[in-house]
């Protein structure tokens, strides 16, 4: 019997990927475990293996095809003794006319081909639900009339590093799999080829070691970018970050600067367990001497990473794995650099202030849309920088709305939302018409099970309920 080869889901957050190339041709004999194709996912380039012995009878999705949905049939393997030439495509896969677009173009022919192949999948698995990218309003730093181009956060981060490495030969990047493997999340893709192994350096799996080397290099006048595969692993290096990078300028009487950027994914991804899901925003933003940045979209990620690399102080640059593949508009400017320490009003409003950062903006903007249907206009503030925090922008908004909800995925005790509440109590108490509300991650280690993980994280519904509560409309 024939066997359909399906587009695999190689990570919990993967919904689609690019079928980069076929390593076997139609008519080739294959054995179980043989690598027959390569796909590019939201994280990496991976291999597709044959699931059984036989002959690769039909290739349903040509190499170079973009946006192939998970579980789409991509090939058919004929069983032992079966005539491969007699194997027919599933009826739904025959419908589209032969494509006229090249294999590497995602045109109408490609779209029709994918839709037909998807219909042939039986049964069709339900796609993984992934947070939508935060809607982005133009930052005030972007001149009116600027051409905007769509870009994923992954691409924006890569471009920021490449531009700064071209600009300053003292900038280099180091970390696990940043070079030969092109980055665990493909954020450093292409940098090794352009800048070579001296400036794009793979390291052993020893965060304490390479973080210390980075701090020493910064003391000596270089500008290292240290990538952690996840900020959970930065706990191995926290002594270098806090006791050396953050404190040496003060302890040396201003003589020794440490221009270094520590960057990588922070917080929950999808079903990676308690030890790989921690949010370090509050941890690092508590430390004098550190700058802490946590962008929510591609534009801010690019402009703020460039600013971080140029800064003479140590910067913690907290990214989010779920947001890496999300696309938003980025200014097509020759040198787009954003100011550190300045929040952005993502959505103006008059009734309640919603404050968040990073993936928390997904909940804030989603809640604002839902509240608008009930006639409630929420003003949404994207902090962008957590230390120094732009308290003035939050205060000015609360003076207008009289109410505030602070949102984050981190734990409630000692969190960023707690700091926002404290500052508003100190600086805007007389303008508050209701207690400040917080929507945070639950006070538990992150569960592995998908249903429990969902319950442990904030939701749009929780933000809507909190906003209505401070408006006394619950």
Foldseek 3Di string as FASTA:
>chain_A
DKDFQWAADPDLLWFFWAFAAFPDDFFDWFAFFCFTTWIQTQFAIDTGTDHHTATFLFALQHHQQGGQGGGQGGTMGDDPPDDSPPDDDPPLQPPQDDDPDDSNDCDPSSVSSSVSSQVPRPPRDDGRDFFAAFAFDDFPVDDPPFDWDKDALLQLLLVLLVLVCVVDVLEAEEEACCAPRCHRSNSNRPVCVVPNCVRYDHDDPQLLVVLQVLQVSQQVPGAYEYEDQECLSCVSNVCCVQVPQQCVCVVVVNPTFGLYEYEYEAAQDALPFLSRHAHCLLVVLVGHREWEFFARGNQLSNQDVNVSSPDRGYYYYYAHSSRRGHMDIHGPDPRRHDDGQDKGFRFDFQAEEEEEEHCQSSLVSLLQVVVVVVVHHYTYIYQRILVVTNLVVVLVNCLRHQAYEYEEAHEDPSDSRVVNQVSCCVPPVVSHPFRYHYFYFYPDRQHSDRVSNVVRGGHSVVVNVRSCVSVVND
